[in-house]
């Protein structure tokens, strides 16, 4: 149990780990959404250029 409490700093340490993990997951999720939007926009532009020719 001492490993979990870390000398009475356990709450701070584990909440920091949790918050960091959440921020990393959120950042990855948002970047994937952004990438997919850009990819779809590029596909639409390419199709529009192909239709012109």
PDB file of N, CA and C in Angstrom:
ATOM      1  N   UNK A   1       0.829  -1.206   0.000  1.00  0.00           N
ATOM      2  CA  UNK A   1       0.000   0.000   0.000  1.00  0.00           C
ATOM      3  C   UNK A   1       0.866   1.260   0.000  1.00  0.00           C
ATOM      4  N   UNK A   2       2.069   1.158   0.550  1.00  0.00           N
ATOM      5  CA  UNK A   2       2.949   2.326   0.564  1.00  0.00           C
ATOM      6  C   UNK A   2       3.334   2.777  -0.847  1.00  0.00           C
ATOM      7  N   UNK A   3       3.407   1.823  -1.769  1.00  0.00           N
ATOM      8  CA  UNK A   3       3.739   2.179  -3.153  1.00  0.00           C
ATOM      9  C   UNK A   3       2.633   3.033  -3.771  1.00  0.00           C
ATOM     10  N   UNK A   4       1.391   2.804  -3.379  1.00  0.00           N
ATOM     11  CA  UNK A   4       0.277   3.575  -3.930  1.00  0.00           C
ATOM     12  C   UNK A   4       0.174   4.963  -3.307  1.00  0.00           C
ATOM     13  N   UNK A   5       0.478   5.081  -2.018  1.00  0.00           N
ATOM     14  CA  UNK A   5       0.349   6.380  -1.365  1.00  0.00           C
ATOM     15  C   UNK A   5       1.568   7.261  -1.602  1.00  0.00           C
ATOM     16  N   UNK A   6       2.718   6.647  -1.865  1.00  0.00           N
ATOM     17  CA  UNK A   6       3.951   7.375  -2.196  1.00  0.00           C
ATOM     18  C   UNK A   6       4.259   8.465  -1.183  1.00  0.00           C
ATOM     19  N   UNK A   7       4.243   8.109   0.055  1.00  0.00           N
ATOM     20  CA  UNK A   7       4.586   9.076   1.094  1.00  0.00           C
ATOM     21  C   UNK A   7       3.610  10.226   1.176  1.00  0.00           C
ATOM     22  N   UNK A   8       2.328   9.943   1.089  1.00  0.00           N
ATOM     23  CA  UNK A   8       1.234  10.927   1.147  1.00  0.00           C
ATOM     24  C   UNK A   8       1.165  11.843  -0.072  1.00  0.00           C
ATOM     25  N   UNK A   9       1.917  11.528  -1.119  1.00  0.00           N
ATOM     26  CA  UNK A   9       1.830  12.288  -2.366  1.00  0.00           C
ATOM     27  C   UNK A   9       1.117  11.485  -3.462  1.00  0.00           C
ATOM     28  N   UNK A  10       0.578  10.358  -3.095  1.00  0.00           N
ATOM     29  CA  UNK A  10      -0.052   9.465  -4.071  1.00  0.00           C
ATOM     30  C   UNK A  10      -1.186  10.096  -4.834  1.00  0.00           C
ATOM     31  N   UNK A  11      -2.017  10.854  -4.160  1.00  0.00           N
ATOM     32  CA  UNK A  11      -3.159  11.489  -4.837  1.00  0.00           C
ATOM     33  C   UNK A  11      -2.660  12.434  -5.923  1.00  0.00           C
ATOM     34  N   UNK A  12      -1.654  13.234  -5.591  1.00  0.00           N
ATOM     35  CA  UNK A  12      -1.095  14.161  -6.573  1.00  0.00           C
ATOM     36  C   UNK A  12      -0.444  13.408  -7.731  1.00  0.00           C
ATOM     37  N   UNK A  13       0.350  12.399  -7.420  1.00  0.00           N
ATOM     38  CA  UNK A  13       1.078  11.658  -8.445  1.00  0.00           C
ATOM     39  C   UNK A  13       0.123  10.932  -9.382  1.00  0.00           C
ATOM     40  N   UNK A  14      -0.827  10.178  -8.810  1.00  0.00           N
ATOM     41  CA  UNK A  14      -1.729   9.398  -9.647  1.00  0.00           C
ATOM     42  C   UNK A  14      -2.702  10.278 -10.430  1.00  0.00           C
ATOM     43  N   UNK A  15      -3.134  11.400  -9.845  1.00  0.00           N
ATOM     44  CA  UNK A  15      -4.004  12.295 -10.612  1.00  0.00           C
ATOM     45  C   UNK A  15      -3.220  12.963 -11.739  1.00  0.00           C
ATOM     46  N   UNK A  16      -1.943  13.232 -11.527  1.00  0.00           N
ATOM     47  CA  UNK A  16      -1.101  13.792 -12.588  1.00  0.00           C
ATOM     48  C   UNK A  16      -0.936  12.795 -13.731  1.00  0.00           C
ATOM     49  N   UNK A  17      -0.699  11.521 -13.371  1.00  0.00           N
ATOM     50  CA  UNK A  17      -0.603  10.490 -14.396  1.00  0.00           C
ATOM     51  C   UNK A  17      -1.914  10.383 -15.171  1.00  0.00           C
ATOM     52  N   UNK A  18      -3.018  10.386 -14.479  1.00  0.00           N
ATOM     53  CA  UNK A  18      -4.321  10.272 -15.129  1.00  0.00           C
ATOM     54  C   UNK A  18      -4.611  11.447 -16.046  1.00  0.00           C
ATOM     55  N   UNK A  19      -4.328  12.650 -15.576  1.00  0.00           N
ATOM     56  CA  UNK A  19      -4.559  13.838 -16.383  1.00  0.00           C
ATOM     57  C   UNK A  19      -3.664  13.840 -17.622  1.00  0.00           C
ATOM     58  N   UNK A  20      -2.411  13.458 -17.450  1.00  0.00           N
ATOM     59  CA  UNK A  20      -1.490  13.393 -18.583  1.00  0.00           C
ATOM     60  C   UNK A  20      -1.983  12.382 -19.613  1.00  0.00           C
ATOM     61  N   UNK A  21      -2.408  11.218 -19.154  1.00  0.00           N
ATOM     62  CA  UNK A  21      -2.935  10.191 -20.047  1.00  0.00           C
ATOM     63  C   UNK A  21      -4.162  10.713 -20.795  1.00  0.00           C
ATOM     64  N   UNK A  22      -5.058  11.392 -20.091  1.00  0.00           N
ATOM     65  CA  UNK A  22      -6.266  11.931 -20.724  1.00  0.00           C
ATOM     66  C   UNK A  22      -5.917  12.975 -21.780  1.00  0.00           C
ATOM     67  N   UNK A  23      -4.951  13.829 -21.500  1.00  0.00           N
ATOM     68  CA  UNK A  23      -4.556  14.859 -22.458  1.00  0.00           C
ATOM     69  C   UNK A  23      -3.930  14.222 -23.699  1.00  0.00           C
ATOM     70  N   UNK A  24      -3.118  13.202 -23.514  1.00  0.00           N
ATOM     71  CA  UNK A  24      -2.505  12.527 -24.657  1.00  0.00           C
ATOM     72  C   UNK A  24      -3.574  11.865 -25.519  1.00  0.00           C
ATOM     73  N   UNK A  25      -4.516  11.186 -24.889  1.00  0.00           N
ATOM     74  CA  UNK A  25      -5.594  10.530 -25.644  1.00  0.00           C
ATOM     75  C   UNK A  25      -6.443  11.560 -26.380  1.00  0.00           C
ATOM     76  N   UNK A  26      -6.810  12.642 -25.707  1.00  0.00           N
ATOM     77  CA  UNK A  26      -7.609  13.690 -26.337  1.00  0.00           C
ATOM     78  C   UNK A  26      -6.857  14.329 -27.506  1.00  0.00           C
ATOM     79  N   UNK A  27      -5.595  14.587 -27.330  1.00  0.00           N
ATOM     80  CA  UNK A  27      -4.786  15.186 -28.395  1.00  0.00           C
ATOM     81  C   UNK A  27      -4.709  14.268 -29.607  1.00  0.00           C
ATOM     82  N   UNK A  28      -4.500  12.987 -29.378  1.00  0.00           N
ATOM     83  CA  UNK A  28      -4.444  12.026 -30.473  1.00  0.00           C
ATOM     84  C   UNK A  28      -5.782  11.954 -31.195  1.00  0.00           C
ATOM     85  N   UNK A  29      -6.858  11.906 -30.439  1.00  0.00           N
ATOM     86  CA  UNK A  29      -8.202  11.825 -31.012  1.00  0.00           C
ATOM     87  C   UNK A  29      -8.497  13.047 -31.886  1.00  0.00           C
ATOM     88  N   UNK A  30      -8.177  14.238 -31.371  1.00  0.00           N
ATOM     89  CA  UNK A  30      -8.442  15.464 -32.129  1.00  0.00           C
ATOM     90  C   UNK A  30      -7.583  15.556 -33.378  1.00  0.00           C
ATOM     91  N   UNK A  31      -6.325  15.109 -33.298  1.00  0.00           N
ATOM     92  CA  UNK A  31      -5.465  15.161 -34.478  1.00  0.00           C
ATOM     93  C   UNK A  31      -5.948  14.192 -35.542  1.00  0.00           C
ATOM     94  N   UNK A  32      -6.472  13.039 -35.139  1.00  0.00           N
ATOM     95  CA  UNK A  32      -7.018  12.094 -36.120  1.00  0.00           C
ATOM     96  C   UNK A  32      -8.255  12.675 -36.811  1.00  0.00           C
ATOM     97  N   UNK A  33      -9.109  13.336 -36.066  1.00  0.00           N
ATOM     98  CA  UNK A  33     -10.290  13.971 -36.655  1.00  0.00           C
ATOM     99  C   UNK A  33      -9.863  15.053 -37.642  1.00  0.00           C
ATOM    100  N   UNK A  34      -8.898  15.865 -37.241  1.00  0.00           N
ATOM    101  CA  UNK A  34      -8.403  16.935 -38.107  1.00  0.00           C
ATOM    102  C   UNK A  34      -7.791  16.348 -39.383  1.00  0.00           C
ATOM    103  N   UNK A  35      -7.014  15.298 -39.243  1.00  0.00           N
ATOM    104  CA  UNK A  35      -6.387  14.646 -40.394  1.00  0.00           C
ATOM    105  C   UNK A  35      -7.460  14.114 -41.345  1.00  0.00           C
ATOM    106  N   UNK A  36      -8.478  13.474 -40.809  1.00  0.00           N
ATOM    107  CA  UNK A  36      -9.543  12.929 -41.654  1.00  0.00           C
ATOM    108  C   UNK A  36     -10.296  14.023 -42.394  1.00  0.00           C
ATOM    109  N   UNK A  37     -10.525  15.155 -41.753  1.00  0.00           N
ATOM    110  CA  UNK A  37     -11.203  16.277 -42.421  1.00  0.00           C
ATOM    111  C   UNK A  37     -10.362  16.801 -43.571  1.00  0.00           C
ATOM    112  N   UNK A  38      -9.073  16.954 -43.341  1.00  0.00           N
ATOM    113  CA  UNK A  38      -8.185  17.447 -44.397  1.00  0.00           C
ATOM    114  C   UNK A  38      -8.127  16.445 -45.543  1.00  0.00           C
ATOM    115  N   UNK A  39      -8.038  15.165 -45.206  1.00  0.00           N
ATOM    116  CA  UNK A  39      -7.988  14.125 -46.227  1.00  0.00           C
ATOM    117  C   UNK A  39      -9.249  14.139 -47.082  1.00  0.00           C
ATOM    118  N   UNK A  40     -10.415  14.267 -46.461  1.00  0.00           N
ATOM    119  CA  UNK A  40     -11.669  14.330 -47.217  1.00  0.00           C
ATOM    120  C   UNK A  40     -11.720  15.570 -48.103  1.00  0.00           C
ATOM    121  N   UNK A  41     -11.228  16.697 -47.591  1.00  0.00           N
ATOM    122  CA  UNK A  41     -11.202  17.926 -48.382  1.00  0.00           C
ATOM    123  C   UNK A  41     -10.306  17.761 -49.610  1.00  0.00           C
ATOM    124  N   UNK A  42      -9.170  17.117 -49.436  1.00  0.00           N
ATOM    125  CA  UNK A  42      -8.274  16.876 -50.560  1.00  0.00           C
ATOM    126  C   UNK A  42      -8.936  15.958 -51.581  1.00  0.00           C
ATOM    127  N   UNK A  43      -9.616  14.917 -51.115  1.00  0.00           N
ATOM    128  CA  UNK A  43     -10.323  14.021 -52.031  1.00  0.00           C
ATOM    129  C   UNK A  43     -11.371  14.766 -52.845  1.00  0.00           C
ATOM    130  N   UNK A  44     -12.122  15.634 -52.195  1.00  0.00           N
ATOM    131  CA  UNK A  44     -13.158  16.407 -52.894  1.00  0.00           C
ATOM    132  C   UNK A  44     -12.524  17.314 -53.933  1.00  0.00           C
ATOM    133  N   UNK A  45     -11.429  17.956 -53.596  1.00  0.00           N
ATOM    134  CA  UNK A  45     -10.760  18.852 -54.538  1.00  0.00           C
ATOM    135  C   UNK A  45     -10.202  18.084 -55.732  1.00  0.00           C
ATOM    136  N   UNK A  46      -9.636  16.910 -55.484  1.00  0.00           N
ATOM    137  CA  UNK A  46      -9.104  16.098 -56.582  1.00  0.00           C
ATOM    138  C   UNK A  46     -10.233  15.662 -57.507  1.00  0.00           C
ATOM    139  N   UNK A  47     -11.346  15.222 -56.941  1.00  0.00           N
ATOM    140  CA  UNK A  47     -12.489  14.814 -57.771  1.00  0.00           C
ATOM    141  C   UNK A  47     -13.022  15.981 -58.583  1.00  0.00           C
ATOM    142  N   UNK A  48     -13.060  17.171 -57.994  1.00  0.00           N
ATOM    143  CA  UNK A  48     -13.525  18.341 -58.721  1.00  0.00           C
ATOM    144  C   UNK A  48     -12.588  18.677 -59.870  1.00  0.00           C
ATOM    145  N   UNK A  49     -11.284  18.543 -59.659  1.00  0.00           N
ATOM    146  CA  UNK A  49     -10.327  18.799 -60.736  1.00  0.00           C
ATOM    147  C   UNK A  49     -10.447  17.761 -61.847  1.00  0.00           C
ATOM    148  N   UNK A  50     -10.684  16.506 -61.474  1.00  0.00           N
ATOM    149  CA  UNK A  50     -10.837  15.454 -62.473  1.00  0.00           C
ATOM    150  C   UNK A  50     -12.089  15.656 -63.299  1.00  0.00           C
ATOM    151  N   UNK A  51     -13.155  16.163 -62.719  1.00  0.00           N
ATOM    152  CA  UNK A  51     -14.402  16.393 -63.442  1.00  0.00           C
ATOM    153  C   UNK A  51     -14.266  17.549 -64.431  1.00  0.00           C
ATOM    154  N   UNK A  52     -13.392  18.487 -64.135  1.00  0.00           N
ATOM    155  CA  UNK A  52     -13.181  19.619 -65.048  1.00  0.00           C
ATOM    156  C   UNK A  52     -12.494  19.185 -66.338  1.00  0.00           C
ATOM    157  N   UNK A  53     -11.672  18.153 -66.238  1.00  0.00           N
ATOM    158  CA  UNK A  53     -10.892  17.745 -67.412  1.00  0.00           C
ATOM    159  C   UNK A  53     -11.633  16.825 -68.291  1.00  0.00           C
TER     160      UNK A  53
END
